[in-house]
N, C-alpha and C. Protein backbone atom coordinates (compact mmCIF):
# COMPACT_ATOMS: atom_id res chain seq x y z
N UNK A 1 99.44 78.98 88.17
CA UNK A 1 100.91 79.62 87.45
C UNK A 1 101.11 79.95 86.19
N UNK A 2 101.18 81.22 86.28
CA UNK A 2 101.99 82.20 84.87
C UNK A 2 102.45 81.27 83.99
N UNK A 3 102.50 81.06 82.11
CA UNK A 3 103.12 80.21 82.08
C UNK A 3 104.18 81.36 80.85
N UNK A 4 103.62 82.76 80.61
CA UNK A 4 104.30 83.76 79.72
C UNK A 4 105.17 84.30 80.85
N UNK A 5 106.08 85.33 79.94
CA UNK A 5 106.96 85.72 81.24
C UNK A 5 106.27 86.87 81.72
N UNK A 6 105.81 87.56 80.87
CA UNK A 6 105.44 89.07 81.11
C UNK A 6 104.12 88.83 82.71
N UNK A 7 103.32 87.61 82.61
CA UNK A 7 102.63 87.10 83.72
C UNK A 7 103.41 86.76 84.62
N UNK A 8 104.26 86.68 84.49
CA UNK A 8 104.92 85.61 86.15
C UNK A 8 105.84 86.86 86.31
N UNK A 9 105.86 88.05 85.72
CA UNK A 9 106.57 89.71 86.63
C UNK A 9 105.34 90.02 86.85
N UNK A 10 104.37 90.34 86.22
CA UNK A 10 103.28 90.66 86.83
C UNK A 10 102.92 90.17 88.01
N UNK A 11 102.78 88.90 88.40
CA UNK A 11 102.12 87.92 89.50
C UNK A 11 103.29 88.27 90.40
N UNK A 12 104.57 88.63 90.24
CA UNK A 12 105.51 89.04 91.00
C UNK A 12 105.62 90.24 91.44
N UNK A 13 105.19 91.29 90.91
CA UNK A 13 104.70 92.98 91.29
C UNK A 13 103.92 92.32 92.21
N UNK A 14 102.69 91.80 91.89
CA UNK A 14 101.34 92.33 92.60
C UNK A 14 101.52 91.60 93.65
N UNK A 15 102.35 90.66 94.35
CA UNK A 15 102.79 90.15 95.35
C UNK A 15 103.64 91.05 96.56
N UNK A 16 104.17 91.62 95.59
CA UNK A 16 105.22 92.35 96.15
C UNK A 16 104.35 94.08 96.51
N UNK A 17 103.19 94.35 95.84
CA UNK A 17 102.31 95.50 95.73
C UNK A 17 101.10 94.97 97.00
N UNK A 18 100.62 93.83 97.07
CA UNK A 18 100.11 93.21 97.98
C UNK A 18 100.50 93.61 99.59
N UNK A 19 102.11 93.06 99.91
CA UNK A 19 102.69 92.93 101.00
C UNK A 19 103.11 94.92 101.42
N UNK A 20 103.14 95.56 100.46
CA UNK A 20 103.36 96.75 100.79
C UNK A 20 102.08 97.60 101.03
N UNK A 21 100.76 97.23 100.07
CA UNK A 21 99.57 97.95 100.62
C UNK A 21 98.99 97.22 102.33
N UNK A 22 98.98 95.96 102.51
CA UNK A 22 98.69 95.69 103.60
C UNK A 22 99.72 95.97 105.07
N UNK A 23 100.94 96.41 104.66
CA UNK A 23 101.47 97.02 105.51
C UNK A 23 100.79 98.85 105.60
N UNK A 24 100.47 99.18 104.92
CA UNK A 24 100.18 100.73 104.94
C UNK A 24 98.72 100.81 105.21
N UNK A 25 98.23 99.67 105.19
CA UNK A 25 96.73 99.74 105.85
C UNK A 25 96.95 99.05 107.63
N UNK A 26 97.76 98.14 107.52
CA UNK A 26 97.75 98.06 108.88
C UNK A 26 98.21 99.23 109.80
N UNK A 27 99.28 100.77 109.35
CA UNK A 27 99.75 101.37 109.61
C UNK A 27 98.09 102.38 110.09
N UNK A 28 97.69 102.15 109.20
CA UNK A 28 96.23 103.25 109.32
C UNK A 28 94.92 102.69 110.27
N UNK A 29 94.85 101.37 110.24
CA UNK A 29 94.30 100.98 111.06
C UNK A 29 95.27 101.12 112.65
N UNK A 30 96.01 100.97 112.97
CA UNK A 30 96.56 100.89 114.40
C UNK A 30 96.50 102.06 114.67
N UNK A 31 96.76 103.19 113.84
CA UNK A 31 96.55 104.74 114.15
C UNK A 31 95.23 105.11 114.88
N UNK A 32 94.34 104.56 113.88
CA UNK A 32 92.76 104.96 114.25
C UNK A 32 92.04 103.75 115.50
N UNK A 33 92.94 102.78 115.81
CA UNK A 33 93.01 102.29 117.08
C UNK A 33 92.80 102.91 118.16
N UNK A 34 94.67 103.45 118.45
CA UNK A 34 95.28 104.79 119.05
C UNK A 34 94.29 105.95 119.38
N UNK A 35 93.87 106.38 118.48
CA UNK A 35 92.73 107.49 118.46
C UNK A 35 91.89 107.36 119.02
N UNK A 36 91.28 106.18 118.67
CA UNK A 36 89.83 105.82 119.26
C UNK A 36 89.97 105.62 121.25
N UNK A 37 90.77 104.69 121.31
CA UNK A 37 91.51 104.49 122.84
C UNK A 37 91.65 105.53 123.78
N UNK A 38 92.18 106.58 122.44
CA UNK A 38 92.57 107.84 123.62
C UNK A 38 91.10 108.61 123.75
N UNK A 39 90.43 108.78 122.76
CA UNK A 39 88.96 108.97 122.89
C UNK A 39 88.26 108.52 123.92
N UNK A 40 88.15 107.60 124.19
CA UNK A 40 87.31 106.45 124.87
C UNK A 40 87.96 107.03 126.74
N UNK A 41 89.22 106.93 126.24
CA UNK A 41 89.48 107.27 127.55
C UNK A 41 89.64 108.73 127.93
N UNK A 42 88.90 109.80 127.09
CA UNK A 42 89.14 110.87 127.39
C UNK A 42 90.84 111.76 128.10
N UNK A 43 91.30 111.48 127.38
CA UNK A 43 92.92 111.57 127.38
C UNK A 43 92.74 112.59 126.59
N UNK A 44 92.51 113.88 126.59
CA UNK A 44 92.50 114.94 125.59
C UNK A 44 93.71 115.89 125.57
N UNK A 45 95.27 115.61 126.31
CA UNK A 45 96.12 116.05 125.82
C UNK A 45 96.64 114.96 125.03
N UNK A 46 96.51 114.00 124.67
CA UNK A 46 97.01 113.13 123.49
C UNK A 46 96.03 113.10 122.24
N UNK A 47 94.89 113.15 122.20
CA UNK A 47 93.86 113.35 121.30
C UNK A 47 94.36 114.00 120.13
N UNK A 48 94.50 115.10 120.09
CA UNK A 48 95.57 116.24 118.83
C UNK A 48 96.32 115.25 117.95
N UNK A 49 97.45 115.14 118.92
CA UNK A 49 98.60 114.66 118.38
C UNK A 49 98.34 113.13 117.92
N UNK A 50 97.54 112.19 118.33
CA UNK A 50 97.33 110.67 117.96
C UNK A 50 96.55 111.48 116.12
N UNK A 51 95.98 112.63 116.45
CA UNK A 51 94.52 113.14 115.65
C UNK A 51 95.45 113.12 114.25
N UNK A 52 96.69 114.10 114.62
CA UNK A 52 97.50 114.43 113.41
C UNK A 52 98.19 113.62 112.71
N UNK A 53 98.50 112.45 113.55
CA UNK A 53 99.39 111.04 113.34
C UNK A 53 97.76 110.22 112.41
N UNK A 54 96.82 109.85 112.66
CA UNK A 54 96.08 109.54 111.91
C UNK A 54 95.76 110.07 111.25
N UNK A 55 95.24 111.20 110.90
CA UNK A 55 95.26 112.08 109.18
C UNK A 55 96.36 112.16 108.30
N UNK A 56 97.67 111.80 109.21
CA UNK A 56 98.95 111.83 108.56
C UNK A 56 98.81 110.67 107.68
N UNK A 57 98.59 109.11 108.55
CA UNK A 57 98.91 108.01 107.95
C UNK A 57 97.84 107.89 106.82
N UNK A 58 96.91 108.20 106.98
CA UNK A 58 95.50 107.85 106.03
C UNK A 58 95.61 108.72 104.63
N UNK A 59 96.29 110.17 104.95
CA UNK A 59 96.79 110.95 103.64
C UNK A 59 97.91 110.06 102.72
N UNK A 60 99.14 109.87 103.27
CA UNK A 60 100.10 108.93 102.91
C UNK A 60 99.21 107.66 102.21
N UNK A 61 98.30 107.17 102.73
CA UNK A 61 97.88 106.03 101.98
C UNK A 61 97.25 106.13 100.92
N UNK A 62 96.61 107.72 101.03
CA UNK A 62 95.90 107.85 99.69
C UNK A 62 97.14 108.46 97.91
N UNK A 63 98.14 109.03 99.27
CA UNK A 63 98.70 109.66 97.89
C UNK A 63 99.24 108.11 97.42
N UNK A 64 99.61 107.14 97.68
CA UNK A 64 100.43 105.93 97.30
C UNK A 64 99.27 105.07 96.71
N UNK A 65 98.04 105.44 96.93
CA UNK A 65 96.96 104.86 96.19
C UNK A 65 96.35 103.24 96.81
N UNK A 66 96.61 103.46 98.15
CA UNK A 66 96.20 102.45 98.69
C UNK A 66 94.66 102.46 99.05
N UNK A 67 94.48 103.73 99.23
CA UNK A 67 92.94 103.99 99.63
C UNK A 67 92.97 105.40 98.63
N UNK A 68 91.44 105.46 98.04
CA UNK A 68 91.03 105.94 97.63
C UNK A 68 90.79 107.78 98.02
N UNK A 69 91.33 108.81 97.18
CA UNK A 69 91.27 110.32 97.87
C UNK A 69 90.26 110.39 98.97
N UNK A 70 89.22 110.13 98.04
CA UNK A 70 87.48 110.49 98.77
C UNK A 70 87.47 109.57 100.02
N UNK A 71 87.62 108.39 100.12
CA UNK A 71 87.60 107.41 101.22
C UNK A 71 88.58 108.10 102.33
N UNK A 72 89.52 108.29 101.89
CA UNK A 72 90.64 109.16 103.12
C UNK A 72 89.95 110.57 103.36
N UNK A 73 89.57 111.15 102.79
CA UNK A 73 88.94 112.34 103.34
C UNK A 73 87.73 112.74 104.26
N UNK A 74 86.76 111.42 103.66
CA UNK A 74 85.58 110.74 104.35
C UNK A 74 86.37 110.28 106.04
N UNK A 75 86.99 109.40 105.87
CA UNK A 75 87.51 109.00 107.57
C UNK A 75 87.90 109.89 108.28
N UNK A 76 88.86 111.10 107.60
CA UNK A 76 89.07 112.18 108.33
C UNK A 76 88.36 112.71 108.89
N UNK A 77 87.13 113.38 108.23
CA UNK A 77 86.13 114.08 108.34
C UNK A 77 85.41 113.83 109.42
N UNK A 78 84.88 112.35 109.25
CA UNK A 78 84.19 111.84 110.13
C UNK A 78 84.91 111.42 111.61
N UNK A 79 86.14 111.29 111.56
CA UNK A 79 86.82 111.39 112.74
C UNK A 79 86.80 112.72 113.72
N UNK A 80 87.24 113.63 112.59
CA UNK A 80 87.19 114.96 113.43
C UNK A 80 86.09 115.20 114.04
N UNK A 81 84.34 114.87 112.74
CA UNK A 81 83.45 115.11 113.96
C UNK A 81 83.16 114.76 115.10
N UNK A 82 83.49 113.22 114.77
CA UNK A 82 83.44 112.37 116.19
C UNK A 82 84.27 112.95 117.25
N UNK A 83 85.59 113.91 116.98
CA UNK A 83 86.41 114.10 118.02
C UNK A 83 85.69 115.54 118.85
N UNK A 84 85.28 116.38 117.86
CA UNK A 84 84.67 117.43 118.40
C UNK A 84 83.64 116.91 119.10
N UNK A 85 82.59 116.09 119.06
CA UNK A 85 81.27 116.08 119.98
C UNK A 85 81.70 115.12 121.26
N UNK A 86 82.85 114.49 120.74
CA UNK A 86 82.93 113.97 122.09
C UNK A 86 83.67 114.24 123.02
N UNK A 87 84.82 114.64 122.80
CA UNK A 87 86.27 115.66 123.37
C UNK A 87 85.50 117.52 123.60
N UNK A 88 85.81 117.72 125.12
CA UNK A 88 85.50 118.55 125.09
C UNK A 88 85.96 119.57 126.31
């Protein structure tokens, strides 16, 4: 445990940030899972809306600093390419 007041504050802040980051990552993973299940079921009507939700959640995670911007861009690009190759 931290002995210095500033270190105690930093420990509290890191706990809050960890919880917030876990929540954002969970949202991204849930959106990706919903999108992948819709693609697997070949539901052409839901895929565009779910892709927009996925791209939005992952972009927000990048804006908040939870994910690197390049990581977010790469994931969106790969998912877009995957959708184009499977859903026709």
